[in-house]
Amino acid sequence: MGSYRLNIAALVVVGFCAGGALAAEDAPAVKHRVLLVAYEHGNSRLMQVSEDGKLEWEQKLPGLTVMFQPLSNGNIVYAHGGNPTGATELDRDRKVVWDFVSKSTEVLSCERLANGNTLVGEQGPCKATEVNAKGEIVSSIPLTAGKLPHTQVRRIHQLENGHVLGAHESDAAVREVDRDGKVVWEYKGVENVFEALRLKNGNTLIGCGTQKRVIEVDPDGKTVWELKSEDVPDLNLAWITSLQVLPNGNYVIANFLRGHEGKGAHAFEITHDKKVVWQFADHKMLEALTTLYVLDAK
């Protein structure tokens, strides 16, 4: 399944403060090993890149992928469009060890749960489906979304209370639903939204898609923190697609450069006071990516 190449590529690691580039001797020496999904004109490729910018391995995926999850055992579970569509788990050798084929129109999101089951975001009809290790459906939660399956839901997460938080691109909205599918919290007006994370403080971090910004909102929907494109002009923010909160409190943000290829950063790490301490900006290795995950988070 797929092909592997071992290439040498430059991982650009640059430090910035919120007003300009730092001098070379002052630049922070932050490096990360990452997993990412490269976007290839509707197709996808899973890639692991070392701290020194070397492509360690790559794997062609069966269709469009915008969400994956590294597991504690070293395996990777990812959702994919295409025919068939569903979710797949790969082991350390990139061999398929678990697979779920969906009867929906398209699957673009999945998440391994603490109980060992997998939450799958099905589109057409739109629902959050829990699947066990045997590939059997154990529960399903209807999700409120628009009519076009492809954009109904991008990334979903199960919350500690059992509710599901989904980024609904079709409606430019983030919604939390209970186990019956009832909307209990909603934030609207986020065009082409891909990702939302519930933070430990109860607020919600939202990557606002093609609005080229990231916001943190409280339970009442008030914005308490915002990163705008003008805060980081050198990064060429185009389409915010994935978010990761590191143990140190910094955010890792993926920047989908479709239509804006060739300059800026594919992804970056930023502090809460908006200092960029790391970025991935190798435009020879790939034109655009849909999601990136830091593996050595500290």
Protein backbone atom coordinates (compact mmCIF):
# COMPACT_ATOMS: atom_id res chain seq x y z
CA MET A 1 0.00 0.00 0.00
CA GLY A 2 1.71 3.14 -1.19
CA SER A 3 5.30 3.95 -1.96
CA TYR A 4 8.24 5.24 0.06
CA ARG A 5 11.00 7.63 -0.86
CA LEU A 6 13.84 8.87 1.25
CA ASN A 7 14.84 12.39 0.31
CA ILE A 8 16.75 15.22 1.94
CA ALA A 9 14.75 18.40 2.29
CA ALA A 10 15.23 21.62 4.21
CA LEU A 11 13.05 22.20 7.24
CA VAL A 12 13.08 25.94 7.69
CA VAL A 13 13.24 26.87 11.35
CA VAL A 14 13.00 30.63 11.92
CA GLY A 15 12.18 32.75 14.96
CA PHE A 16 10.13 35.92 14.78
CA CYS A 17 8.88 38.42 17.24
CA ALA A 18 5.60 40.19 16.64
CA GLY A 19 7.11 42.97 14.58
CA GLY A 20 9.91 41.49 12.56
CA ALA A 21 12.58 38.86 12.25
CA LEU A 22 15.01 38.21 15.05
CA ALA A 23 18.72 38.43 14.43
CA ALA A 24 20.24 35.06 13.56
CA GLU A 25 22.13 34.81 16.84
CA ASP A 26 18.89 35.47 18.77
CA ALA A 27 16.67 33.08 16.83
CA PRO A 28 15.21 30.32 19.03
CA ALA A 29 16.62 26.86 18.30
CA VAL A 30 13.24 25.12 18.23
CA LYS A 31 13.01 22.01 16.08
CA HIS A 32 10.23 19.47 15.71
CA ARG A 33 9.69 16.03 14.24
CA VAL A 34 6.34 16.17 12.51
CA LEU A 35 3.72 14.13 10.73
CA LEU A 36 1.83 15.91 7.99
CA VAL A 37 -0.54 15.31 5.12
CA ALA A 38 0.50 16.89 1.85
CA TYR A 39 -2.31 18.00 -0.47
CA GLU A 40 -1.82 16.91 -4.08
CA HIS A 41 -4.69 18.26 -6.19
CA GLY A 42 -7.39 16.31 -4.37
CA ASN A 43 -5.12 13.45 -3.32
CA SER A 44 -3.05 13.11 -0.16
CA ARG A 45 0.31 11.85 1.05
CA LEU A 46 1.24 11.13 4.67
CA MET A 47 4.80 12.22 5.45
CA GLN A 48 7.10 12.11 8.47
CA VAL A 49 9.82 14.76 8.63
CA SER A 50 12.71 14.70 11.08
CA GLU A 51 13.84 17.56 13.31
CA ASP A 52 16.58 18.28 10.77
CA GLY A 53 14.21 18.51 7.83
CA LYS A 54 14.77 15.07 6.32
CA LEU A 55 11.86 13.18 4.86
CA GLU A 56 11.93 9.95 6.87
CA TRP A 57 9.12 8.22 5.01
CA GLU A 58 6.00 8.92 3.00
CA GLN A 59 2.84 7.01 2.15
CA LYS A 60 0.30 7.69 -0.54
CA LEU A 61 -3.22 7.71 0.89
CA PRO A 62 -6.34 6.40 -0.89
CA GLY A 63 -8.09 9.77 -1.12
CA LEU A 64 -8.39 13.23 0.38
CA THR A 65 -7.26 13.32 4.03
CA VAL A 66 -7.61 16.32 6.33
CA MET A 67 -7.45 14.58 9.72
CA PHE A 68 -5.20 11.96 11.28
CA GLN A 69 -4.12 11.01 14.80
CA PRO A 70 -0.83 9.50 16.00
CA LEU A 71 -1.55 6.83 18.62
CA SER A 72 0.45 6.02 21.75
CA ASN A 73 1.62 2.69 20.28
CA GLY A 74 3.15 4.42 17.25
CA ASN A 75 0.29 3.61 14.92
CA ILE A 76 -1.63 6.25 12.96
CA VAL A 77 -5.36 6.41 12.37
CA TYR A 78 -6.65 8.63 9.57
CA ALA A 79 -9.86 9.41 7.71
CA HIS A 80 -10.00 9.43 3.94
CA GLY A 81 -12.34 10.26 1.12
CA GLY A 82 -12.26 8.37 -2.15
CA ASN A 83 -14.00 5.13 -3.04
CA PRO A 84 -14.31 3.45 -0.63
CA THR A 85 -14.34 6.13 2.04
CA GLY A 86 -13.78 5.58 5.75
CA ALA A 87 -11.05 5.38 8.38
CA THR A 88 -7.85 3.32 8.49
CA GLU A 89 -5.17 2.51 11.06
CA LEU A 90 -1.57 1.91 10.01
CA ASP A 91 1.11 0.28 12.16
CA ARG A 92 4.74 1.41 12.44
CA ASP A 93 5.52 -0.30 9.11
CA ARG A 94 2.55 1.48 7.48
CA LYS A 95 0.60 -1.75 7.17
CA VAL A 96 -3.18 -1.67 7.59
CA VAL A 97 -4.20 -3.14 10.96
CA TRP A 98 -7.73 -1.75 11.17
CA ASP A 99 -10.12 -0.44 8.56
CA PHE A 100 -13.67 0.87 8.54
CA VAL A 101 -15.55 1.31 5.28
CA SER A 102 -18.38 3.81 5.54
CA LYS A 103 -21.67 3.68 3.66
CA SER A 104 -21.85 7.48 3.72
CA THR A 105 -20.87 9.75 0.84
CA GLU A 106 -17.57 10.79 2.39
CA VAL A 107 -15.52 10.56 5.60
CA LEU A 108 -12.97 13.27 6.36
CA SER A 109 -12.60 13.08 10.14
CA CYS A 110 -11.89 10.48 12.79
CA GLU A 111 -10.53 10.23 16.32
CA ARG A 112 -9.48 7.25 18.47
CA LEU A 113 -11.34 7.39 21.76
CA ALA A 114 -10.12 6.48 25.24
CA ASN A 115 -12.24 3.29 25.20
CA GLY A 116 -10.43 2.04 22.08
CA ASN A 117 -13.27 2.76 19.70
CA THR A 118 -12.99 5.26 16.86
CA LEU A 119 -15.21 8.29 16.32
CA VAL A 120 -15.84 8.77 12.59
CA GLY A 121 -17.32 11.91 11.05
CA GLU A 122 -19.61 10.70 8.28
CA GLN A 123 -20.96 13.08 5.65
CA GLY A 124 -24.07 12.46 3.59
CA PRO A 125 -25.86 12.02 5.95
CA CYS A 126 -23.84 13.94 8.52
CA LYS A 127 -23.28 12.11 11.80
CA ALA A 128 -20.63 11.19 14.36
CA THR A 129 -20.38 7.40 14.34
CA GLU A 130 -18.57 5.36 16.99
CA VAL A 131 -16.98 2.19 15.62
CA ASN A 132 -15.38 -0.61 17.63
CA ALA A 133 -12.21 -2.62 16.94
CA LYS A 134 -14.22 -5.10 14.85
CA GLY A 135 -15.46 -2.32 12.58
CA GLU A 136 -18.95 -2.51 14.05
CA ILE A 137 -21.05 0.62 14.60
CA VAL A 138 -21.91 0.93 18.30
CA SER A 139 -23.57 4.37 18.27
CA SER A 140 -24.34 7.30 16.02
CA ILE A 141 -25.06 10.97 16.74
CA PRO A 142 -26.77 13.11 14.08
CA LEU A 143 -24.97 16.36 13.31
CA THR A 144 -26.59 19.55 12.11
CA ALA A 145 -24.98 20.60 8.82
CA GLY A 146 -25.62 21.89 5.30
CA LYS A 147 -26.76 19.78 2.36
CA LEU A 148 -23.48 19.39 0.44
CA PRO A 149 -21.79 16.28 1.93
CA HIS A 150 -18.20 17.30 1.13
CA THR A 151 -18.30 20.35 3.41
CA GLN A 152 -20.70 19.19 6.13
CA VAL A 153 -18.05 18.54 8.77
CA ARG A 154 -14.27 18.75 8.65
CA ARG A 155 -12.81 17.77 12.03
CA ILE A 156 -14.64 16.38 15.06
CA HIS A 157 -13.63 15.76 18.67
CA GLN A 158 -15.37 14.01 21.53
CA LEU A 159 -15.40 16.14 24.69
CA GLU A 160 -14.95 14.92 28.26
CA ASN A 161 -18.72 15.14 28.81
CA GLY A 162 -19.35 12.79 25.87
CA HIS A 163 -20.57 15.57 23.60
CA VAL A 164 -19.11 16.07 20.12
CA LEU A 165 -17.49 19.30 18.94
CA GLY A 166 -17.53 19.69 15.16
CA ALA A 167 -16.23 22.22 12.63
CA HIS A 168 -18.96 22.60 10.01
CA GLU A 169 -17.49 24.26 6.95
CA SER A 170 -20.80 24.25 5.09
CA ASP A 171 -22.40 26.47 7.74
CA ALA A 172 -19.31 28.48 8.78
CA ALA A 173 -20.06 27.27 12.30
CA VAL A 174 -18.63 25.33 15.22
CA ARG A 175 -21.19 23.26 17.12
CA GLU A 176 -21.22 21.18 20.26
CA VAL A 177 -23.96 18.54 20.30
CA ASP A 178 -25.06 16.17 23.05
CA ARG A 179 -25.50 12.40 22.66
CA ASP A 180 -28.92 12.97 21.05
CA GLY A 181 -27.55 15.43 18.49
CA LYS A 182 -29.05 18.49 20.17
CA VAL A 183 -26.97 21.64 19.65
CA VAL A 184 -25.93 22.87 23.11
CA TRP A 185 -23.29 25.41 22.03
CA GLU A 186 -22.58 27.16 18.73
CA TYR A 187 -20.26 29.78 17.30
CA LYS A 188 -21.09 31.13 13.83
CA GLY A 189 -19.45 33.29 11.18
CA VAL A 190 -16.17 31.39 10.69
CA GLU A 191 -15.86 30.92 6.94
CA ASN A 192 -14.38 27.59 5.74
CA VAL A 193 -13.77 26.50 9.33
CA PHE A 194 -11.75 23.25 9.66
CA GLU A 195 -10.84 22.90 13.32
CA ALA A 196 -12.02 23.73 16.83
CA LEU A 197 -10.58 22.51 20.14
CA ARG A 198 -12.10 22.78 23.59
CA LEU A 199 -9.40 24.09 25.94
CA LYS A 200 -8.86 23.07 29.57
CA ASN A 201 -10.19 26.45 30.74
CA GLY A 202 -13.54 25.77 29.02
CA ASN A 203 -12.91 28.15 26.15
CA THR A 204 -12.81 27.06 22.51
CA LEU A 205 -9.89 27.58 20.14
CA ILE A 206 -11.10 28.01 16.55
CA GLY A 207 -9.11 28.07 13.33
CA CYS A 208 -11.16 30.46 11.26
CA GLY A 209 -10.45 28.98 7.83
CA THR A 210 -10.10 31.49 5.03
CA GLN A 211 -10.60 34.41 7.42
CA LYS A 212 -6.87 33.90 8.07
CA ARG A 213 -7.12 34.07 11.84
CA VAL A 214 -7.30 31.96 14.98
CA ILE A 215 -9.50 32.91 17.93
CA GLU A 216 -10.18 31.76 21.46
CA VAL A 217 -13.76 32.34 22.58
CA ASP A 218 -15.33 31.88 26.01
CA PRO A 219 -18.57 29.93 26.59
CA ASP A 220 -20.57 33.10 25.88
CA GLY A 221 -18.88 33.50 22.49
CA LYS A 222 -16.74 36.46 23.50
CA THR A 223 -13.31 36.58 21.82
CA VAL A 224 -10.61 36.61 24.50
CA TRP A 225 -7.60 36.05 22.20
CA GLU A 226 -7.04 36.48 18.47
CA LEU A 227 -4.23 35.94 16.00
CA LYS A 228 -4.72 37.80 12.73
CA SER A 229 -2.76 37.65 9.49
CA GLU A 230 -1.39 41.15 10.08
CA ASP A 231 0.14 39.91 13.36
CA VAL A 232 2.38 37.53 11.38
CA PRO A 233 2.64 39.04 7.87
CA ASP A 234 5.65 36.94 6.82
CA LEU A 235 3.73 33.68 7.25
CA ASN A 236 1.26 34.29 4.39
CA LEU A 237 -1.80 33.03 6.24
CA ALA A 238 -4.24 31.60 3.72
CA TRP A 239 -6.50 28.92 5.21
CA ILE A 240 -6.20 27.72 8.81
CA THR A 241 -6.86 23.98 8.83
CA SER A 242 -5.51 22.24 11.95
CA LEU A 243 -4.65 23.20 15.52
CA GLN A 244 -2.56 21.55 18.21
CA VAL A 245 -2.07 22.72 21.78
CA LEU A 246 1.40 21.80 23.07
CA PRO A 247 2.12 20.96 26.74
CA ASN A 248 3.97 24.30 27.05
CA GLY A 249 0.77 26.14 26.10
CA ASN A 250 1.94 27.14 22.62
CA TYR A 251 -0.23 26.52 19.56
CA VAL A 252 0.81 24.67 16.40
CA ILE A 253 -1.21 25.97 13.46
CA ALA A 254 -1.44 24.48 9.98
CA ASN A 255 -1.76 26.94 7.09
CA PHE A 256 -3.26 25.41 3.92
CA LEU A 257 -1.59 27.33 1.09
CA ARG A 258 -3.86 26.17 -1.72
CA GLY A 259 -3.95 29.04 -4.21
CA HIS A 260 -1.16 30.83 -2.32
CA GLU A 261 1.68 28.37 -2.82
CA GLY A 262 5.37 29.20 -2.82
CA LYS A 263 5.78 31.58 0.10
CA GLY A 264 5.12 31.79 3.80
CA ALA A 265 4.78 28.90 6.23
CA HIS A 266 2.94 25.60 5.91
CA ALA A 267 2.73 25.45 9.70
CA PHE A 268 4.12 27.26 12.73
CA GLU A 269 4.31 27.26 16.53
CA ILE A 270 3.27 30.44 18.28
CA THR A 271 3.18 31.59 21.89
CA HIS A 272 0.17 33.17 23.52
CA ASP A 273 1.85 36.57 23.20
CA LYS A 274 2.10 35.96 19.43
CA LYS A 275 5.79 35.15 19.07
CA VAL A 276 6.51 32.63 16.32
CA VAL A 277 9.15 30.22 17.67
CA TRP A 278 9.10 27.59 14.90
CA GLN A 279 7.83 27.22 11.38
CA PHE A 280 7.78 24.61 8.63
CA ALA A 281 8.22 26.26 5.25
CA ASP A 282 9.75 23.80 2.80
CA HIS A 283 8.18 24.63 -0.55
CA LYS A 284 10.34 22.14 -2.44
CA MET A 285 9.10 19.21 -0.39
CA LEU A 286 5.42 20.04 -0.88
CA GLU A 287 3.15 22.72 -2.28
CA ALA A 288 0.49 22.61 0.41
CA LEU A 289 -0.61 20.59 3.42
CA THR A 290 -3.98 20.05 5.06
CA THR A 291 -2.85 19.07 8.53
CA LEU A 292 0.31 18.79 10.63
CA TYR A 293 1.06 17.24 14.02
CA VAL A 294 4.15 17.80 16.17
CA LEU A 295 5.34 14.44 17.50
CA ASP A 296 7.90 15.64 20.05
CA ALA A 297 5.57 17.99 21.89
CA LYS A 298 7.02 19.35 25.14
